[in-house]
Amino acid sequence: MAAAADALTDALREPARMPAAPQRSVIRSGSGQFLAMPAAGDAGAGAKLVSVQAENPKHGLPLIQGVFALFSAESLTPVALFDGAALTELRAPAVSVVATRLLARADAAHLVLFGAGVQGRAHAFALIGERPLERVTVIAPGPRADALVRDLAAAGVVATRGDCGAVAEADLVCACTTSSEPVFDGRLVAPGAHVNAVGSFQRTTREIDAALLARSSVFVEDRDAALDEAGDLRIAIAEGAFGPELIAGDLAEVVAGERGRSSVGEITTFKSVGSAWEDLVVARAAFERLNPPS
């Protein structure tokens, strides 16, 4: 995870050399969606093809399934095929790690986590290594939440289940759900906290409310992508509670030191929508790690 975050940070340090990535194509297929996300640059070329079918979990199938094809930089020869879900499980928390490293307070000790699925679990264990977390509160229904609490406790962290009011005591909040409505009241978030909003990725869904956006400095991966795809922002804009000009910065600006947290008491929010260039960078780093030069 740390290596993936490092690879993303290195790419963000040179925006002019970052892989080019058009905004994702989304096609309706029956009651689901099919997404195509290509990217190309110094790291080579690649494309992730993903399906999202809300009915799948009822039948024991994953909500999201897909593949990522990696092509070499020199000859554009296909060199690897990754499981798309596994790559996303690595990439998404790695992006949140980059944001957390740069925006969260160094002494953040209490994580409140919404969601105990694949991304919730991945984020919990990724962030344990980035901040001196002593306590994790898991907010999610069902046995997966209990299993995550047990596994976090086994890793030496005080972990409990809780309710959405726990955000009032959080130093770090991660929303990793498939909810279409805000999962907590943004008015409760404590001064100095950092929020990673990861789960929602459609124009009509959001995990965080306009109250949080109004109280925090909002950072994104890319302004255009966030304004086009992030329901968290688009719905607040439609309500007249937020505006594009209120985005405080993107990750490249934060990595460059041009934007970032300005005070201990400032609330910072990072809204992620994911990008094909991130998948490409992480896939390339994983490929090189698995295939070192002889």
Protein backbone atom coordinates (compact mmCIF):
# COMPACT_ATOMS: atom_id res chain seq x y z
CA MET A 1 0.00 0.00 0.00
CA ALA A 2 2.76 2.44 0.92
CA ALA A 3 4.56 1.64 -2.34
CA ALA A 4 1.39 2.34 -4.33
CA ALA A 5 0.92 5.66 -2.54
CA ASP A 6 4.57 6.54 -3.21
CA ALA A 7 4.14 5.79 -6.92
CA LEU A 8 1.08 8.04 -7.08
CA THR A 9 2.90 10.83 -5.23
CA ASP A 10 5.84 10.60 -7.64
CA ALA A 11 3.47 10.93 -10.59
CA LEU A 12 1.73 13.93 -9.02
CA ARG A 13 5.07 15.70 -8.58
CA GLU A 14 5.34 16.05 -12.36
CA PRO A 15 1.86 16.96 -13.63
CA ALA A 16 3.13 17.52 -17.17
CA ARG A 17 4.24 13.87 -17.33
CA MET A 18 1.18 12.35 -15.71
CA PRO A 19 -0.64 9.84 -17.91
CA ALA A 20 -3.41 11.27 -20.04
CA ALA A 21 -6.83 9.96 -19.08
CA PRO A 22 -10.15 11.00 -20.59
CA GLN A 23 -13.14 10.95 -18.32
CA ARG A 24 -14.65 7.51 -17.99
CA SER A 25 -17.24 6.23 -20.43
CA VAL A 26 -20.37 4.86 -18.79
CA ILE A 27 -22.89 2.74 -20.64
CA ARG A 28 -26.13 1.38 -19.21
CA SER A 29 -26.42 -2.37 -19.55
CA GLY A 30 -29.73 -3.72 -18.34
CA SER A 31 -30.06 -2.70 -14.71
CA GLY A 32 -26.31 -2.19 -14.34
CA GLN A 33 -23.49 -0.06 -15.72
CA PHE A 34 -20.41 -0.78 -17.82
CA LEU A 35 -17.46 1.58 -17.43
CA ALA A 36 -14.37 1.99 -19.63
CA MET A 37 -11.35 3.89 -18.29
CA PRO A 38 -8.24 4.17 -20.51
CA ALA A 39 -4.99 6.01 -19.79
CA ALA A 40 -1.58 6.37 -21.46
CA GLY A 41 1.75 8.01 -20.69
CA ASP A 42 5.34 7.32 -19.61
CA ALA A 43 4.13 4.36 -17.55
CA GLY A 44 2.71 2.75 -20.67
CA ALA A 45 -0.95 2.40 -21.50
CA GLY A 46 -3.84 0.61 -19.91
CA ALA A 47 -7.56 0.36 -19.62
CA LYS A 48 -9.88 -0.79 -16.87
CA LEU A 49 -13.20 -2.31 -17.88
CA VAL A 50 -15.66 -2.53 -15.01
CA SER A 51 -19.25 -3.59 -14.49
CA VAL A 52 -21.45 -2.41 -11.63
CA GLN A 53 -24.56 -4.47 -10.97
CA ALA A 54 -26.53 -3.59 -7.85
CA GLU A 55 -28.39 -6.92 -7.84
CA ASN A 56 -25.24 -9.05 -7.78
CA PRO A 57 -24.71 -9.21 -4.00
CA LYS A 58 -28.15 -10.80 -3.62
CA HIS A 59 -26.86 -13.67 -5.74
CA GLY A 60 -23.47 -14.03 -4.07
CA LEU A 61 -21.65 -12.05 -6.76
CA PRO A 62 -19.50 -8.93 -6.33
CA LEU A 63 -21.14 -5.54 -6.85
CA ILE A 64 -18.18 -4.48 -9.01
CA GLN A 65 -16.25 -6.75 -11.38
CA GLY A 66 -13.66 -6.00 -14.02
CA VAL A 67 -10.19 -6.30 -15.50
CA PHE A 68 -7.27 -3.96 -16.16
CA ALA A 69 -5.04 -4.52 -19.19
CA LEU A 70 -1.50 -3.11 -19.01
CA PHE A 71 0.54 -2.33 -22.14
CA SER A 72 4.26 -1.56 -22.27
CA ALA A 73 5.45 2.01 -22.83
CA GLU A 74 7.91 1.15 -25.59
CA SER A 75 6.02 -1.10 -27.98
CA LEU A 76 2.50 -0.91 -26.53
CA THR A 77 2.60 -4.68 -26.20
CA PRO A 78 0.12 -6.11 -23.70
CA VAL A 79 2.17 -7.33 -20.74
CA ALA A 80 -0.28 -8.04 -17.91
CA LEU A 81 -3.93 -8.49 -17.07
CA PHE A 82 -5.01 -7.55 -13.54
CA ASP A 83 -8.18 -8.38 -11.69
CA GLY A 84 -9.98 -5.04 -11.76
CA ALA A 85 -11.47 -5.38 -8.28
CA ALA A 86 -8.09 -6.26 -6.77
CA LEU A 87 -6.46 -3.28 -8.47
CA THR A 88 -9.21 -0.94 -7.22
CA GLU A 89 -8.85 -2.42 -3.74
CA LEU A 90 -5.21 -1.29 -3.83
CA ARG A 91 -5.53 1.95 -5.77
CA ALA A 92 -8.45 3.61 -3.96
CA PRO A 93 -6.96 3.45 -0.44
CA ALA A 94 -3.54 4.37 -1.85
CA VAL A 95 -5.05 7.62 -3.15
CA SER A 96 -6.63 8.23 0.25
CA VAL A 97 -3.24 7.56 1.85
CA VAL A 98 -1.71 10.30 -0.33
CA ALA A 99 -4.43 12.74 0.72
CA THR A 100 -4.18 11.73 4.37
CA ARG A 101 -0.40 12.11 4.44
CA LEU A 102 -0.73 15.66 3.13
CA LEU A 103 -3.93 16.92 4.72
CA ALA A 104 -4.64 15.10 8.00
CA ARG A 105 -3.07 16.25 11.25
CA ALA A 106 0.06 14.33 12.16
CA ASP A 107 -1.37 13.41 15.56
CA ALA A 108 -4.66 11.98 14.26
CA ALA A 109 -5.50 9.13 16.64
CA HIS A 110 -9.20 8.30 16.13
CA LEU A 111 -10.55 7.02 12.81
CA VAL A 112 -14.30 6.81 12.21
CA LEU A 113 -14.94 4.49 9.31
CA PHE A 114 -18.20 4.21 7.40
CA GLY A 115 -18.38 0.89 5.59
CA ALA A 116 -16.90 -2.52 6.35
CA GLY A 117 -16.77 -3.93 2.84
CA VAL A 118 -13.71 -4.31 0.64
CA GLN A 119 -12.87 -0.60 0.59
CA GLY A 120 -13.70 -0.01 4.23
CA ARG A 121 -11.41 -2.82 5.29
CA ALA A 122 -8.64 -1.75 2.91
CA HIS A 123 -8.81 1.85 4.10
CA ALA A 124 -8.73 0.89 7.76
CA PHE A 125 -5.54 -1.12 7.45
CA ALA A 126 -3.94 1.36 5.04
CA LEU A 127 -4.45 4.29 7.39
CA ILE A 128 -3.19 2.44 10.46
CA GLY A 129 0.26 2.74 8.95
CA GLU A 130 -0.05 6.44 8.11
CA ARG A 131 -1.18 8.01 11.38
CA PRO A 132 -0.76 6.98 15.03
CA LEU A 133 -4.26 5.56 15.18
CA GLU A 134 -5.18 4.28 18.62
CA ARG A 135 -8.90 3.88 18.05
CA VAL A 136 -11.13 2.92 15.14
CA THR A 137 -14.91 3.20 15.23
CA VAL A 138 -16.62 1.13 12.54
CA ILE A 139 -20.07 2.20 11.38
CA ALA A 140 -21.66 -0.45 9.19
CA PRO A 141 -24.38 -3.08 9.44
CA GLY A 142 -24.00 -6.84 9.56
CA PRO A 143 -21.32 -9.40 10.36
CA ARG A 144 -18.67 -7.80 8.18
CA ALA A 145 -18.44 -4.95 10.68
CA ASP A 146 -17.93 -7.41 13.53
CA ALA A 147 -15.23 -9.23 11.57
CA LEU A 148 -13.41 -5.97 10.81
CA VAL A 149 -13.53 -4.92 14.47
CA ARG A 150 -12.02 -8.28 15.48
CA ASP A 151 -9.27 -8.05 12.88
CA LEU A 152 -8.38 -4.48 13.82
CA ALA A 153 -8.23 -5.48 17.48
CA ALA A 154 -5.90 -8.33 16.54
CA ALA A 155 -3.68 -5.72 14.87
CA GLY A 156 -3.38 -3.88 18.17
CA VAL A 157 -5.95 -1.12 17.61
CA VAL A 158 -8.85 -0.41 19.96
CA ALA A 159 -11.79 -1.04 17.65
CA THR A 160 -15.51 -0.85 18.29
CA ARG A 161 -18.75 -0.51 16.40
CA GLY A 162 -20.53 2.82 16.71
CA ASP A 163 -23.07 5.19 15.20
CA CYS A 164 -22.78 8.28 13.03
CA GLY A 165 -22.54 10.56 16.06
CA ALA A 166 -18.98 9.29 16.51
CA VAL A 167 -17.75 11.77 13.89
CA ALA A 168 -17.90 14.44 16.60
CA GLU A 169 -14.90 12.73 18.23
CA ALA A 170 -12.98 11.79 15.08
CA ASP A 171 -9.64 13.08 13.92
CA LEU A 172 -10.00 11.17 10.67
CA VAL A 173 -13.20 10.10 8.87
CA CYS A 174 -13.43 7.74 5.90
CA ALA A 175 -16.67 7.18 4.00
CA CYS A 176 -16.42 3.97 1.98
CA THR A 177 -20.03 3.03 1.34
CA THR A 178 -22.44 2.59 -1.54
CA SER A 179 -25.00 4.87 0.09
CA SER A 180 -26.89 7.30 -2.11
CA GLU A 181 -27.52 9.70 0.78
CA PRO A 182 -25.14 11.39 3.26
CA VAL A 183 -24.03 8.94 5.93
CA PHE A 184 -23.38 11.53 8.66
CA ASP A 185 -24.26 15.08 9.63
CA GLY A 186 -21.44 17.36 8.50
CA ARG A 187 -22.25 19.81 11.28
CA LEU A 188 -20.92 17.27 13.80
CA VAL A 189 -17.41 16.95 12.37
CA ALA A 190 -14.86 18.27 14.85
CA PRO A 191 -12.48 21.15 14.07
CA GLY A 192 -9.17 19.85 12.76
CA ALA A 193 -10.58 16.62 11.36
CA HIS A 194 -9.82 15.27 7.91
CA VAL A 195 -12.46 13.46 5.81
CA ASN A 196 -11.85 11.07 2.91
CA ALA A 197 -15.05 10.58 0.88
CA VAL A 198 -14.48 7.59 -1.36
CA GLY A 199 -17.56 5.48 -1.90
CA SER A 200 -19.98 7.44 -4.08
CA PHE A 201 -18.98 7.72 -7.73
CA GLN A 202 -22.17 8.70 -9.53
CA ARG A 203 -23.66 12.12 -10.24
CA THR A 204 -26.82 11.33 -8.32
CA THR A 205 -25.34 9.86 -5.13
CA ARG A 206 -23.41 11.32 -2.22
CA GLU A 207 -21.97 10.21 1.11
CA ILE A 208 -21.21 13.67 2.48
CA ASP A 209 -23.58 16.59 2.83
CA ALA A 210 -23.45 20.26 1.94
CA ALA A 211 -22.95 21.18 5.60
CA LEU A 212 -19.56 19.47 5.60
CA LEU A 213 -18.55 21.09 2.32
CA ALA A 214 -19.46 24.51 3.71
CA ARG A 215 -17.36 23.96 6.85
CA SER A 216 -14.26 22.46 5.23
CA SER A 217 -11.55 23.08 2.69
CA VAL A 218 -12.41 20.71 -0.15
CA PHE A 219 -9.71 18.97 -2.18
CA VAL A 220 -10.13 16.72 -5.21
CA GLU A 221 -8.02 14.63 -7.57
CA ASP A 222 -8.96 16.73 -10.57
CA ARG A 223 -11.38 19.65 -10.66
CA ASP A 224 -13.00 18.82 -14.00
CA ALA A 225 -13.51 15.14 -13.13
CA ALA A 226 -14.86 15.93 -9.67
CA LEU A 227 -17.31 18.52 -10.95
CA ASP A 228 -18.48 16.17 -13.68
CA GLU A 229 -18.74 12.93 -11.69
CA ALA A 230 -18.98 13.59 -7.96
CA GLY A 231 -22.57 13.67 -6.78
CA ASP A 232 -21.28 14.87 -3.42
CA LEU A 233 -20.32 18.15 -5.12
CA ARG A 234 -22.88 18.30 -7.91
CA ILE A 235 -25.89 17.92 -5.62
CA ALA A 236 -24.57 20.59 -3.25
CA ILE A 237 -24.00 22.92 -6.21
CA ALA A 238 -27.55 22.30 -7.42
CA GLU A 239 -28.79 23.15 -3.92
CA GLY A 240 -26.87 26.43 -4.04
CA ALA A 241 -24.76 25.35 -1.08
CA PHE A 242 -21.41 24.98 -2.87
CA GLY A 243 -19.63 26.32 -5.93
CA PRO A 244 -16.74 25.18 -8.15
CA GLU A 245 -14.72 28.17 -7.01
CA LEU A 246 -14.78 26.80 -3.46
CA ILE A 247 -12.59 23.81 -4.32
CA ALA A 248 -9.41 24.54 -2.38
CA GLY A 249 -7.05 22.52 -4.57
CA ASP A 250 -6.26 19.30 -6.36
CA LEU A 251 -3.80 16.61 -5.31
CA ALA A 252 -1.05 17.82 -7.65
CA GLU A 253 -1.23 21.28 -6.06
CA VAL A 254 -1.16 19.76 -2.59
CA VAL A 255 1.84 17.57 -3.43
CA ALA A 256 3.61 20.65 -4.82
CA GLY A 257 2.93 22.53 -1.58
CA GLU A 258 0.80 25.13 -3.36
CA ARG A 259 -2.36 24.19 -1.44
CA GLY A 260 -3.05 22.32 1.78
CA ARG A 261 -4.09 22.50 5.41
CA SER A 262 -3.62 26.05 6.71
CA SER A 263 -4.30 25.57 10.43
CA VAL A 264 -4.65 22.93 13.13
CA GLY A 265 -8.36 23.67 13.50
CA GLU A 266 -9.21 23.59 9.80
CA ILE A 267 -11.48 20.79 8.57
CA THR A 268 -10.21 19.27 5.33
CA THR A 269 -12.23 17.06 2.99
CA PHE A 270 -10.86 15.00 0.11
CA LYS A 271 -13.44 13.85 -2.43
CA SER A 272 -12.18 11.02 -4.63
CA VAL A 273 -13.84 9.81 -7.82
CA GLY A 274 -10.96 7.65 -9.05
CA SER A 275 -9.07 8.12 -12.30
CA ALA A 276 -7.68 5.82 -14.95
CA TRP A 277 -4.24 7.40 -14.64
CA GLU A 278 -4.11 6.26 -11.02
CA ASP A 279 -4.93 2.69 -12.04
CA LEU A 280 -2.19 2.82 -14.67
CA VAL A 281 0.46 4.14 -12.27
CA VAL A 282 -0.39 1.59 -9.58
CA ALA A 283 -0.61 -1.29 -12.07
CA ARG A 284 2.77 -0.35 -13.54
CA ALA A 285 4.35 -0.16 -10.07
CA ALA A 286 2.89 -3.57 -9.17
CA PHE A 287 4.10 -5.08 -12.45
CA GLU A 288 7.63 -3.79 -11.91
CA ARG A 289 7.65 -5.04 -8.34
CA LEU A 290 6.59 -8.51 -9.51
CA ASN A 291 8.97 -8.46 -12.48
CA PRO A 292 12.21 -6.79 -11.36
CA PRO A 293 14.92 -6.28 -13.99
CA SER A 294 17.24 -9.29 -14.19
